[in-house]
Amino acid sequence: MPRVPRRPSDEARRGAYKPPGVDAARSRRRREDRLLALRRRNRDAGLFKRRREEPSLTPAPVVSPSDAAADATAPPPSSEPSSLPSSPPPADALRAAADAELEGLSEMVDKVWSDDAATQLEATVQFRKLLSDGKNSTMIKIIRADVLPRFAEFLSRQRPPQLQMEAAWVLTNIAASDYTLLVAECGAVPRLVELLESPDANIRHQATWALGNIAADMPSCREIVLDHGAVTPLLAQFKEDMKVSVLRTATWALSNLCFGKLPAEVQVKPILEIVSLLIHSADEKILADACWALYYICDGVEGGIQDALDAGVCPQLVKLLMHASANILLPVIMSLARISAGDDTQVQVIVEQGILPCLAQLLARNYPKIIKKQACLIVSNITAGSKDQIQTSETDLKKEAAWAISNAASGGSSDQIQYLVSRGCLEPLCNVLKYQDVDLVYTCLEGLQNILEEGDIGKQRNESAMNPYAQFILENGGLDNLEDLQDFDNDAVYKLAMKLLERYWDEEVSDDANLTASKDHPAENVETVQPEDTAQPPVAASSVDGTE
């Protein structure tokens, strides 16, 4: 009997994927894949897998790639096995019956291996019902019974008609457990791929579901599915008039196949032809999974960014930045961040689609940290682009970039502020102070205030004598721009600028004022030498901010 395999460690799973690298020739090519690693760890807990539940029980929460943060359940199958009663018994009674059947496991195994087709079907249905409890102990006992190869064999049986469906259902739920590799290696995959071309729509749906679970487990399982040519027949499913529940399953399975690094022999363009249509779906589950598939292709396929651009996905991706759901925004903005790490021509495509105004609005809203961080990354990548992209004569474009950075700085958390500064946002923020737009300049000042306050925290933590961010602004000419705001024709801007000047650069401002006074009134600068014992004490310095 086969032994229960040891699960690969997190380190082994992460080792299958290369961490993001830095292209020294282009500072913007700093890829943000920490979320990908998190999703990989979550997948180990089964978040990429789906169990098909018994219709008589309350469906357990099911999380597909798009539903990690949402309350969702697996869509019910389009039709149920004919052997199920029309009025199912209570859940407690069903579980009690399952416990009783587990005690007769040996008899069920004998029935599965019998030569009578009706007996085989009866035993397969019993196994499927046993698996409905989702208990790991039940799963282990069934696996040790060494019946998986028999269920894989049933996938090729067309008589009785229901046997293929029941066997696929059993294998789907086992593949949703920690023992997916056993399903992948028992001979089921090539038969499941064949069932994608079955004339029975329910069987095609179940085969898609099973293959999606197998592909979700680990790279070796996904490679087995890909090696047996699952992509082409899976894509063929999308050409039919599909029910929404079936389309959800097919899109989810496709995103699982695209996860990670796709082999060179897999044709990406046919996948993108389907994905470019799916990202227009009104169904959020389909839309999110399609966007994740697009991100995986952009990130894990050589030339994937250009292939995605050639498929015409950019206009819709930029529009989706205005979507209300964070479950949609995350894969969308990660796809765009990956595109923004491409070459200058590729970056220009998303700039021309109006991404900066969308990012400016997004950064002003209350979205999760990871989404805002990706938005900041895109802005940083664009501002690190070619001379035309940095020094564009289009004032509106520069203004939208300024809004995006200012909103990110003014509303950012501590981690976001540190990230923005590390990406070099201080200098462009100081340049924004030269604009005549009252709202923009005020938002920029709020951003600088937020950054400087974070610098104070770092100053105290490191027991430093100087706020590092204040020093940077001083050394890069930002102080001059702040001082110029004393003549700005707006009281709110004037007051906030003066508050920052007095709090962080009071000494420099005082020195400048004294120097100006000495130039304007040189005669008043002549010192009167007094005897040491009659020297006057220095005037006490005023507080940093008299209002605080």
Protein backbone atom coordinates (compact mmCIF):
# COMPACT_ATOMS: atom_id res chain seq x y z
CA MET A 1 0.00 0.00 0.00
CA PRO A 2 1.28 3.49 -0.79
CA ARG A 3 2.58 5.63 2.03
CA VAL A 4 1.23 9.08 2.65
CA PRO A 5 3.83 11.41 1.09
CA ARG A 6 5.56 14.07 3.12
CA ARG A 7 4.52 17.52 2.10
CA PRO A 8 7.31 19.63 0.60
CA SER A 9 8.48 22.42 2.87
CA ASP A 10 7.66 26.05 2.23
CA GLU A 11 11.32 26.56 1.35
CA ALA A 12 11.20 23.83 -1.27
CA ARG A 13 8.07 25.28 -2.81
CA ARG A 14 9.43 28.80 -2.87
CA GLY A 15 12.66 27.47 -4.31
CA ALA A 16 10.81 26.46 -7.44
CA TYR A 17 10.40 30.11 -8.32
CA LYS A 18 13.18 32.64 -8.76
CA PRO A 19 12.95 35.75 -6.59
CA PRO A 20 12.62 39.09 -8.33
CA GLY A 21 15.88 40.52 -9.56
CA VAL A 22 17.26 43.97 -10.16
CA ASP A 23 18.31 45.15 -13.57
CA ALA A 24 21.15 47.53 -12.77
CA ALA A 25 20.73 49.22 -16.14
CA ARG A 26 17.18 50.28 -15.29
CA SER A 27 16.39 51.31 -11.74
CA ARG A 28 12.70 50.71 -12.15
CA ARG A 29 13.04 46.98 -12.70
CA ARG A 30 12.48 46.08 -9.09
CA ARG A 31 9.80 43.49 -9.09
CA GLU A 32 7.40 43.17 -6.21
CA ASP A 33 6.70 39.45 -5.73
CA ARG A 34 6.19 39.22 -2.00
CA LEU A 35 2.48 38.78 -2.54
CA LEU A 36 3.20 35.96 -4.95
CA ALA A 37 5.18 34.19 -2.22
CA LEU A 38 2.30 34.74 0.19
CA ARG A 39 -0.16 33.28 -2.28
CA ARG A 40 2.16 30.32 -2.75
CA ARG A 41 2.15 29.67 1.00
CA ASN A 42 -1.62 30.08 1.09
CA ARG A 43 -1.90 27.56 -1.71
CA ASP A 44 -0.19 25.03 0.53
CA ALA A 45 -3.15 25.42 2.86
CA GLY A 46 -5.54 24.65 0.03
CA LEU A 47 -6.64 28.16 -0.87
CA PHE A 48 -6.21 27.48 -4.60
CA LYS A 49 -8.30 24.32 -4.44
CA ARG A 50 -12.00 23.56 -4.45
CA ARG A 51 -13.93 20.67 -3.01
CA ARG A 52 -17.18 19.60 -4.60
CA GLU A 53 -19.59 19.33 -1.73
CA GLU A 54 -22.50 16.99 -1.27
CA PRO A 55 -25.69 18.87 -2.25
CA SER A 56 -27.36 17.79 1.00
CA LEU A 57 -24.79 19.48 3.21
CA THR A 58 -24.17 23.16 3.77
CA PRO A 59 -21.33 24.01 1.39
CA ALA A 60 -18.07 24.81 3.11
CA PRO A 61 -16.33 28.06 2.21
CA VAL A 62 -14.27 27.61 -0.93
CA VAL A 63 -11.46 29.94 -1.94
CA SER A 64 -10.27 30.11 -5.51
CA PRO A 65 -7.36 32.34 -6.66
CA SER A 66 -9.68 35.33 -6.84
CA ASP A 67 -11.53 34.77 -3.56
CA ALA A 68 -8.76 34.83 -0.94
CA ALA A 69 -10.36 37.80 0.82
CA ALA A 70 -14.01 37.21 0.01
CA ASP A 71 -16.77 35.09 1.43
CA ALA A 72 -17.52 32.69 -1.39
CA THR A 73 -18.66 29.14 -1.84
CA ALA A 74 -18.09 26.76 -4.69
CA PRO A 75 -20.76 26.97 -7.37
CA PRO A 76 -23.09 23.99 -7.26
CA PRO A 77 -22.65 21.47 -10.07
CA SER A 78 -24.92 22.00 -13.04
CA SER A 79 -26.56 18.63 -12.40
CA GLU A 80 -26.37 16.08 -9.63
CA PRO A 81 -25.81 12.31 -9.81
CA SER A 82 -29.02 10.43 -10.53
CA SER A 83 -28.44 8.13 -7.56
CA LEU A 84 -28.98 10.89 -5.02
CA PRO A 85 -32.38 11.07 -3.30
CA SER A 86 -34.65 14.00 -4.13
CA SER A 87 -35.18 14.80 -0.43
CA PRO A 88 -31.80 14.41 1.28
CA PRO A 89 -31.66 13.35 4.94
CA PRO A 90 -30.39 15.71 7.65
CA ALA A 91 -26.67 16.41 7.78
CA ASP A 92 -26.20 14.56 11.09
CA ALA A 93 -27.82 11.46 9.70
CA LEU A 94 -25.65 11.62 6.59
CA ARG A 95 -22.48 11.91 8.67
CA ALA A 96 -23.57 9.00 10.84
CA ALA A 97 -24.13 6.93 7.70
CA ALA A 98 -20.66 7.95 6.46
CA ASP A 99 -19.10 6.77 9.74
CA ALA A 100 -20.89 3.45 9.39
CA GLU A 101 -19.69 3.09 5.80
CA LEU A 102 -16.13 3.81 6.86
CA GLU A 103 -16.28 0.80 9.12
CA GLY A 104 -17.14 -1.29 6.06
CA LEU A 105 -14.29 0.12 3.99
CA SER A 106 -12.88 -3.28 3.20
CA GLU A 107 -16.15 -4.37 1.63
CA MET A 108 -16.27 -1.16 -0.44
CA VAL A 109 -12.77 -1.82 -1.73
CA ASP A 110 -13.81 -5.29 -2.82
CA LYS A 111 -16.78 -3.82 -4.70
CA VAL A 112 -14.57 -1.29 -6.48
CA TRP A 113 -12.34 -4.09 -7.73
CA SER A 114 -15.24 -6.32 -8.76
CA ASP A 115 -16.02 -7.07 -12.40
CA ASP A 116 -19.65 -5.98 -12.16
CA ALA A 117 -20.23 -2.45 -13.49
CA ALA A 118 -23.25 -1.79 -11.27
CA THR A 119 -21.28 -2.84 -8.18
CA GLN A 120 -18.38 -0.61 -9.22
CA LEU A 121 -20.70 2.37 -9.54
CA GLU A 122 -22.32 1.65 -6.17
CA ALA A 123 -18.93 1.51 -4.43
CA THR A 124 -17.68 4.67 -6.17
CA VAL A 125 -20.74 6.58 -4.99
CA GLN A 126 -20.08 5.31 -1.45
CA PHE A 127 -16.49 6.54 -1.60
CA ARG A 128 -17.63 9.91 -2.89
CA LYS A 129 -20.05 10.26 0.03
CA LEU A 130 -17.32 9.28 2.49
CA LEU A 131 -15.10 12.06 1.16
CA SER A 132 -17.86 14.59 1.71
CA ASP A 133 -16.99 14.88 5.42
CA GLY A 134 -13.65 16.48 4.53
CA LYS A 135 -11.85 14.70 7.38
CA ASN A 136 -8.16 14.07 6.88
CA SER A 137 -8.40 10.73 8.68
CA THR A 138 -11.03 9.55 6.19
CA MET A 139 -8.85 10.70 3.30
CA ILE A 140 -5.84 8.78 4.61
CA LYS A 141 -7.81 5.55 5.03
CA ILE A 142 -9.16 5.79 1.48
CA ILE A 143 -5.69 6.48 0.09
CA ARG A 144 -4.18 3.55 1.97
CA ALA A 145 -6.88 1.34 0.50
CA ASP A 146 -5.01 1.76 -2.82
CA VAL A 147 -8.12 2.52 -4.86
CA LEU A 148 -6.94 5.67 -6.67
CA PRO A 149 -5.61 3.76 -9.73
CA ARG A 150 -9.00 2.05 -9.99
CA PHE A 151 -10.85 5.38 -10.01
CA ALA A 152 -8.43 6.63 -12.65
CA GLU A 153 -9.30 3.55 -14.71
CA PHE A 154 -13.02 4.30 -14.34
CA LEU A 155 -12.48 7.64 -16.08
CA SER A 156 -12.16 5.72 -19.34
CA ARG A 157 -15.33 3.66 -18.78
CA GLN A 158 -18.38 4.84 -20.68
CA ARG A 159 -20.70 2.21 -19.21
CA PRO A 160 -22.51 2.83 -16.97
CA PRO A 161 -22.58 6.52 -17.99
CA GLN A 162 -22.51 7.81 -14.42
CA LEU A 163 -19.29 5.97 -13.50
CA GLN A 164 -17.02 8.52 -15.19
CA MET A 165 -18.76 11.36 -13.38
CA GLU A 166 -18.57 9.71 -9.96
CA ALA A 167 -14.91 8.71 -10.39
CA ALA A 168 -13.98 12.24 -11.49
CA TRP A 169 -15.83 13.64 -8.48
CA VAL A 170 -13.92 11.37 -6.08
CA LEU A 171 -10.59 12.35 -7.62
CA THR A 172 -11.54 16.05 -7.56
CA ASN A 173 -12.02 16.00 -3.79
CA ILE A 174 -8.88 13.98 -3.15
CA ALA A 175 -6.96 16.46 -5.30
CA ALA A 176 -8.34 19.25 -3.11
CA SER A 177 -6.59 17.71 -0.09
CA ASP A 178 -2.94 17.47 0.93
CA TYR A 179 -2.50 14.36 -1.23
CA THR A 180 -2.82 15.88 -4.68
CA LEU A 181 0.44 14.35 -5.87
CA LEU A 182 -1.03 10.85 -5.52
CA VAL A 183 -3.87 11.82 -7.87
CA ALA A 184 -1.41 13.36 -10.32
CA GLU A 185 0.69 10.18 -10.36
CA CYS A 186 -2.04 7.52 -10.38
CA GLY A 187 -2.71 7.83 -14.11
CA ALA A 188 -5.75 10.10 -13.79
CA VAL A 189 -4.37 13.20 -15.55
CA PRO A 190 -4.30 11.97 -19.17
CA ARG A 191 -7.80 10.53 -18.78
CA LEU A 192 -9.10 13.76 -17.24
CA VAL A 193 -7.62 15.68 -20.18
CA GLU A 194 -9.48 13.33 -22.54
CA LEU A 195 -12.70 13.99 -20.64
CA LEU A 196 -12.40 17.70 -21.51
CA GLU A 197 -13.67 16.60 -24.92
CA SER A 198 -16.52 14.49 -23.55
CA PRO A 199 -19.94 15.04 -25.17
CA ASP A 200 -21.37 15.32 -21.63
CA ALA A 201 -21.10 18.92 -20.37
CA ASN A 202 -21.27 17.81 -16.71
CA ILE A 203 -18.33 15.45 -17.16
CA ARG A 204 -16.32 18.19 -18.90
CA HIS A 205 -17.05 20.48 -15.99
CA GLN A 206 -15.96 17.89 -13.44
CA ALA A 207 -12.77 17.09 -15.35
CA THR A 208 -11.94 20.80 -15.50
CA TRP A 209 -12.48 21.06 -11.76
CA ALA A 210 -10.21 18.09 -11.03
CA LEU A 211 -7.42 19.36 -13.29
CA GLY A 212 -7.66 22.80 -11.68
CA ASN A 213 -7.10 21.26 -8.25
CA ILE A 214 -4.13 19.21 -9.46
CA ALA A 215 -2.51 22.23 -11.13
CA ALA A 216 -2.95 24.28 -7.96
CA ASP A 217 -0.86 22.04 -5.73
CA MET A 218 2.81 22.41 -6.67
CA PRO A 219 4.95 23.01 -9.77
CA SER A 220 5.50 19.28 -10.40
CA CYS A 221 1.76 18.59 -10.40
CA ARG A 222 1.07 21.55 -12.67
CA GLU A 223 3.79 20.35 -15.05
CA ILE A 224 2.14 16.93 -15.25
CA VAL A 225 -1.11 18.58 -16.31
CA LEU A 226 0.68 20.78 -18.85
CA ASP A 227 2.75 17.89 -20.20
CA HIS A 228 -0.44 16.02 -21.05
CA GLY A 229 -1.65 18.92 -23.21
CA ALA A 230 -4.46 20.24 -21.03
CA VAL A 231 -4.25 23.84 -22.25
CA THR A 232 -5.72 23.39 -25.74
CA PRO A 233 -8.83 21.38 -24.76
CA LEU A 234 -9.34 23.66 -21.75
CA LEU A 235 -9.33 26.75 -23.97
CA ALA A 236 -11.86 25.00 -26.22
CA GLN A 237 -14.33 25.08 -23.32
CA PHE A 238 -14.56 28.87 -23.57
CA LYS A 239 -15.88 28.75 -27.10
CA GLU A 240 -19.15 27.23 -25.99
CA ASP A 241 -22.28 28.84 -24.61
CA MET A 242 -21.24 28.16 -21.03
CA LYS A 243 -23.18 28.53 -17.84
CA VAL A 244 -21.68 31.06 -15.43
CA SER A 245 -20.78 28.37 -12.88
CA VAL A 246 -18.92 26.36 -15.52
CA LEU A 247 -17.18 29.46 -16.86
CA ARG A 248 -16.02 30.31 -13.35
CA THR A 249 -14.50 26.87 -12.91
CA ALA A 250 -12.78 26.98 -16.32
CA THR A 251 -11.34 30.46 -15.70
CA TRP A 252 -10.12 29.44 -12.25
CA ALA A 253 -8.49 26.29 -13.65
CA LEU A 254 -6.82 28.33 -16.40
CA SER A 255 -5.37 30.76 -13.85
CA ASN A 256 -3.95 27.81 -11.88
CA LEU A 257 -2.29 26.48 -15.02
CA CYS A 258 -0.71 29.90 -15.65
CA PHE A 259 0.65 30.21 -12.11
CA GLY A 260 4.44 30.25 -11.89
CA LYS A 261 6.77 29.83 -14.83
CA LEU A 262 5.08 28.43 -17.92
CA PRO A 263 7.20 26.05 -20.03
CA ALA A 264 8.49 27.45 -23.33
CA GLU A 265 6.42 24.96 -25.34
CA VAL A 266 3.14 26.33 -23.98
CA GLN A 267 1.63 28.75 -26.49
CA VAL A 268 0.75 31.92 -24.61
CA LYS A 269 -1.04 33.84 -27.36
CA PRO A 270 -4.11 31.52 -27.51
CA ILE A 271 -4.41 31.87 -23.72
CA LEU A 272 -4.24 35.65 -23.98
CA GLU A 273 -6.91 35.66 -26.68
CA ILE A 274 -9.30 34.11 -24.16
CA VAL A 275 -8.08 36.18 -21.19
CA SER A 276 -8.45 39.43 -23.15
CA LEU A 277 -12.16 38.61 -23.46
CA LEU A 278 -12.60 37.38 -19.88
CA ILE A 279 -11.29 40.64 -18.37
CA HIS A 280 -14.45 42.29 -19.69
CA SER A 281 -16.67 39.91 -17.69
CA ALA A 282 -19.30 41.37 -15.37
CA ASP A 283 -18.86 38.41 -13.00
CA GLU A 284 -16.31 39.34 -10.32
CA LYS A 285 -15.03 35.79 -9.79
CA ILE A 286 -14.39 35.30 -13.50
CA LEU A 287 -12.90 38.77 -13.78
CA ALA A 288 -10.51 38.34 -10.85
CA ASP A 289 -9.26 34.91 -11.97
CA ALA A 290 -8.74 36.20 -15.51
CA CYS A 291 -6.70 39.12 -14.17
CA TRP A 292 -4.60 36.77 -12.06
CA ALA A 293 -3.92 34.65 -15.15
CA LEU A 294 -2.82 37.79 -16.97
CA TYR A 295 -0.46 38.74 -14.13
CA TYR A 296 1.08 35.25 -14.09
CA ILE A 297 1.74 35.48 -17.82
CA CYS A 298 3.30 38.94 -17.58
CA ASP A 299 5.46 37.81 -14.69
CA GLY A 300 6.31 34.23 -15.55
CA VAL A 301 6.71 34.09 -19.32
CA GLU A 302 9.63 35.44 -21.30
CA GLY A 303 8.16 38.09 -23.56
CA GLY A 304 4.87 37.85 -21.69
CA ILE A 305 4.56 41.63 -21.24
CA GLN A 306 4.76 42.25 -24.98
CA ASP A 307 2.39 39.37 -25.70
CA ALA A 308 -0.12 40.92 -23.28
CA LEU A 309 0.24 44.33 -24.94
CA ASP A 310 -0.21 42.77 -28.38
CA ALA A 311 -3.42 41.14 -27.12
CA GLY A 312 -4.79 44.62 -26.38
CA VAL A 313 -5.38 44.20 -22.65
CA CYS A 314 -4.06 47.61 -21.51
CA PRO A 315 -7.14 49.82 -22.10
CA GLN A 316 -9.35 47.51 -20.06
CA LEU A 317 -6.74 47.03 -17.32
CA VAL A 318 -6.46 50.78 -16.83
CA LYS A 319 -10.27 51.08 -16.70
CA LEU A 320 -10.37 48.36 -14.04
CA LEU A 321 -8.24 50.54 -11.75
CA MET A 322 -11.53 52.28 -10.98
CA HIS A 323 -13.21 49.01 -9.92
CA ALA A 324 -14.68 49.11 -6.43
CA SER A 325 -13.53 45.64 -5.35
CA ALA A 326 -10.05 45.14 -3.89
CA ASN A 327 -10.21 41.52 -5.11
CA ILE A 328 -10.22 42.87 -8.66
CA LEU A 329 -7.82 45.74 -8.06
CA LEU A 330 -5.02 43.58 -6.68
CA PRO A 331 -4.38 41.41 -9.77
CA VAL A 332 -5.08 44.38 -12.05
CA ILE A 333 -2.57 46.69 -10.41
CA MET A 334 0.02 43.91 -10.09
CA SER A 335 -0.33 43.25 -13.83
CA LEU A 336 0.14 46.95 -14.57
CA ALA A 337 3.10 47.13 -12.18
CA ARG A 338 4.72 44.30 -14.08
CA ILE A 339 4.11 46.08 -17.38
CA SER A 340 5.56 49.29 -15.90
CA ALA A 341 8.77 47.34 -15.27
CA GLY A 342 9.13 46.72 -19.01
CA ASP A 343 11.07 48.78 -21.52
CA ASP A 344 10.34 52.42 -22.35
CA THR A 345 8.04 51.57 -25.25
CA GLN A 346 5.96 49.22 -23.11
CA VAL A 347 5.70 51.75 -20.30
CA GLN A 348 4.59 54.39 -22.77
CA VAL A 349 1.58 52.25 -23.72
CA ILE A 350 0.07 52.40 -20.22
CA VAL A 351 0.97 56.10 -19.90
CA GLU A 352 -0.94 56.88 -23.10
CA GLN A 353 -3.93 54.92 -21.78
CA GLY A 354 -4.24 57.45 -18.94
CA ILE A 355 -2.97 55.36 -16.04
CA LEU A 356 -1.67 58.33 -14.01
CA PRO A 357 -5.07 60.02 -13.42
CA CYS A 358 -6.45 56.66 -12.32
CA LEU A 359 -3.56 56.09 -9.92
CA ALA A 360 -4.00 59.56 -8.46
CA GLN A 361 -7.63 58.75 -7.62
CA LEU A 362 -6.77 55.29 -6.35
CA LEU A 363 -4.09 56.59 -3.98
CA ALA A 364 -6.58 59.03 -2.47
CA ARG A 365 -8.92 56.19 -1.45
CA ASN A 366 -8.86 53.74 1.42
CA TYR A 367 -7.46 50.58 -0.15
CA PRO A 368 -5.24 47.85 1.36
CA LYS A 369 -1.55 48.58 1.77
CA ILE A 370 -0.42 46.18 -0.96
CA ILE A 371 -2.57 47.95 -3.56
CA LYS A 372 -1.23 51.40 -2.71
CA LYS A 373 2.31 50.05 -2.67
CA GLN A 374 1.89 48.68 -6.17
CA ALA A 375 0.47 52.04 -7.29
CA CYS A 376 3.54 53.80 -5.90
CA LEU A 377 5.74 51.30 -7.71
CA ILE A 378 4.06 52.10 -11.03
CA VAL A 379 4.48 55.86 -10.51
CA SER A 380 8.11 55.30 -9.59
CA ASN A 381 8.71 53.13 -12.65
CA ILE A 382 7.15 55.73 -14.93
CA THR A 383 9.17 58.59 -13.42
CA ALA A 384 12.31 56.46 -13.81
CA GLY A 385 11.60 56.06 -17.52
CA SER A 386 13.04 57.67 -20.59
CA LYS A 387 13.74 61.39 -20.93
CA ASP A 388 10.49 61.86 -22.85
CA GLN A 389 8.52 60.24 -20.03
CA ILE A 390 10.25 62.24 -17.30
CA GLN A 391 10.41 65.63 -19.04
CA THR A 392 7.25 65.41 -21.09
CA SER A 393 5.87 68.74 -22.18
CA GLU A 394 2.36 67.58 -21.32
CA THR A 395 1.64 69.58 -18.18
CA ASP A 396 -1.45 67.53 -17.37
CA LEU A 397 0.59 64.33 -17.34
CA LYS A 398 3.19 65.79 -15.01
CA LYS A 399 0.42 67.12 -12.81
CA GLU A 400 -1.27 63.71 -12.53
CA ALA A 401 2.06 62.11 -11.58
CA ALA A 402 2.47 64.80 -8.93
CA TRP A 403 -1.04 64.12 -7.61
CA ALA A 404 -0.29 60.39 -7.43
CA ILE A 405 2.90 60.87 -5.42
CA SER A 406 1.38 63.55 -3.20
CA ASN A 407 -1.69 61.46 -2.39
CA ALA A 408 0.47 58.45 -1.60
CA ALA A 409 2.68 60.47 0.76
CA SER A 410 -0.14 62.37 2.48
CA GLY A 411 -2.22 59.29 3.25
CA GLY A 412 0.46 56.64 3.56
CA SER A 413 1.27 54.42 6.52
CA SER A 414 4.72 54.25 8.10
CA ASP A 415 5.79 51.39 5.84
CA GLN A 416 4.42 53.14 2.76
CA ILE A 417 6.28 56.35 3.63
CA GLN A 418 9.55 54.48 4.01
CA TYR A 419 8.92 52.73 0.73
CA LEU A 420 8.17 56.00 -1.09
CA VAL A 421 11.33 57.62 0.24
CA SER A 422 13.40 54.59 -0.75
CA ARG A 423 12.02 54.97 -4.27
CA GLY A 424 13.21 58.58 -4.42
CA CYS A 425 9.93 60.48 -4.03
CA LEU A 426 11.29 63.40 -1.96
CA GLU A 427 12.87 65.27 -4.85
CA PRO A 428 9.78 65.19 -7.12
CA LEU A 429 7.60 66.17 -4.13
CA CYS A 430 9.78 69.22 -3.56
CA ASN A 431 9.42 70.10 -7.24
CA VAL A 432 5.63 69.94 -6.93
CA LEU A 433 5.82 72.95 -4.59
CA LYS A 434 6.55 75.10 -7.65
CA TYR A 435 3.06 74.48 -9.07
CA GLN A 436 0.36 77.13 -8.78
CA ASP A 437 -2.46 74.62 -8.12
CA VAL A 438 -3.61 75.29 -4.55
CA ASP A 439 -5.07 71.84 -3.87
CA LEU A 440 -2.05 70.04 -5.34
CA VAL A 441 0.49 72.12 -3.42
CA TYR A 442 -1.42 71.69 -0.16
CA THR A 443 -1.65 67.91 -0.65
CA CYS A 444 2.07 67.88 -1.39
CA LEU A 445 2.77 69.80 1.83
CA GLU A 446 0.67 67.25 3.75
CA GLY A 447 2.75 64.51 2.15
CA LEU A 448 6.00 66.21 3.15
CA GLN A 449 4.65 66.69 6.66
CA ASN A 450 3.83 62.99 6.89
CA ILE A 451 7.30 62.08 5.65
CA LEU A 452 9.04 64.47 8.04
CA GLU A 453 7.05 63.13 10.99
CA GLU A 454 8.15 59.64 10.02
CA GLY A 455 11.71 61.01 9.95
CA ASP A 456 11.26 62.23 13.53
CA ILE A 457 10.31 58.71 14.59
CA GLY A 458 13.40 57.33 12.89
CA LYS A 459 15.50 60.06 14.51
CA GLN A 460 14.32 59.03 17.97
CA ARG A 461 14.70 55.35 17.22
CA ASN A 462 18.28 55.78 16.00
CA GLU A 463 19.12 58.47 18.58
CA SER A 464 20.22 60.72 15.75
CA ALA A 465 20.72 64.45 16.06
CA MET A 466 19.02 65.20 12.76
CA ASN A 467 15.87 64.25 10.90
CA PRO A 468 17.28 62.45 7.81
CA TYR A 469 14.42 63.51 5.56
CA ALA A 470 14.70 67.15 6.61
CA GLN A 471 18.41 67.02 5.81
CA PHE A 472 17.73 65.53 2.39
CA ILE A 473 15.23 68.25 1.54
CA LEU A 474 17.72 70.88 2.68
CA GLU A 475 20.58 69.45 0.62
CA ASN A 476 18.48 69.14 -2.53
CA GLY A 477 17.09 72.65 -2.65
CA GLY A 478 13.63 71.81 -1.32
CA LEU A 479 13.95 74.40 1.42
CA ASP A 480 14.05 77.19 -1.17
CA ASN A 481 10.74 76.00 -2.63
CA LEU A 482 9.19 75.93 0.85
CA GLU A 483 10.39 79.46 1.61
CA ASP A 484 8.93 80.69 -1.68
CA LEU A 485 5.50 79.53 -0.45
CA GLN A 486 5.56 82.38 2.08
CA ASP A 487 4.45 84.52 -0.87
CA PHE A 488 1.81 81.99 -2.02
CA ASP A 489 -1.62 83.56 -2.38
CA ASN A 490 -3.43 81.12 -0.10
CA ASP A 491 -3.60 81.23 3.69
CA ALA A 492 -3.78 77.45 4.21
CA VAL A 493 -0.71 76.82 2.06
CA TYR A 494 1.16 79.70 3.74
CA LYS A 495 0.36 78.46 7.27
CA LEU A 496 1.34 74.85 6.59
CA ALA A 497 4.54 75.90 4.84
CA MET A 498 5.48 78.15 7.77
CA LYS A 499 4.68 75.37 10.23
CA LEU A 500 7.09 73.03 8.48
CA LEU A 501 9.78 75.71 8.16
CA GLU A 502 9.62 76.62 11.84
CA ARG A 503 9.50 73.03 13.05
CA TYR A 504 12.23 71.46 10.95
CA TRP A 505 14.42 74.29 9.68
CA ASP A 506 14.01 77.05 12.25
CA GLU A 507 17.76 77.52 12.59
CA GLU A 508 18.38 77.67 8.84
CA VAL A 509 15.52 80.10 8.29
CA SER A 510 16.77 82.33 11.12
CA ASP A 511 20.30 82.31 9.73
CA ASP A 512 19.01 83.25 6.28
CA ALA A 513 16.95 86.06 7.77
CA ASN A 514 19.96 87.43 9.66
CA LEU A 515 22.11 87.20 6.53
CA THR A 516 19.49 89.08 4.53
CA ALA A 517 19.25 91.73 7.20
CA SER A 518 23.02 92.21 7.21
CA LYS A 519 23.03 92.73 3.46
CA ASP A 520 20.15 95.17 3.52
CA HIS A 521 21.41 97.13 6.54
CA PRO A 522 25.23 96.81 6.70
CA ALA A 523 25.61 99.73 9.11
CA GLU A 524 23.45 97.97 11.68
CA ASN A 525 25.70 94.94 11.52
CA VAL A 526 28.67 96.72 13.18
CA GLU A 527 29.25 95.14 16.56
CA THR A 528 29.89 97.31 19.61
CA VAL A 529 32.68 95.82 21.64
CA GLN A 530 31.70 95.64 25.29
CA PRO A 531 33.69 94.67 28.30
CA GLU A 532 33.32 91.00 29.05
CA ASP A 533 31.80 91.60 32.44
CA THR A 534 29.04 93.78 30.96
CA ALA A 535 28.14 91.55 28.04
CA GLN A 536 24.39 90.99 27.62
CA PRO A 537 23.01 87.43 27.78
CA PRO A 538 21.72 86.02 24.51
CA VAL A 539 18.01 86.34 23.81
CA ALA A 540 16.20 83.10 24.61
CA ALA A 541 15.16 81.21 21.50
CA SER A 542 11.45 80.87 20.87
CA SER A 543 9.84 77.45 20.93
CA VAL A 544 9.78 75.39 17.77
CA ASP A 545 6.10 75.90 17.39
CA GLY A 546 4.41 78.22 19.79
CA THR A 547 1.07 76.61 19.22
CA GLU A 548 2.15 73.18 20.31
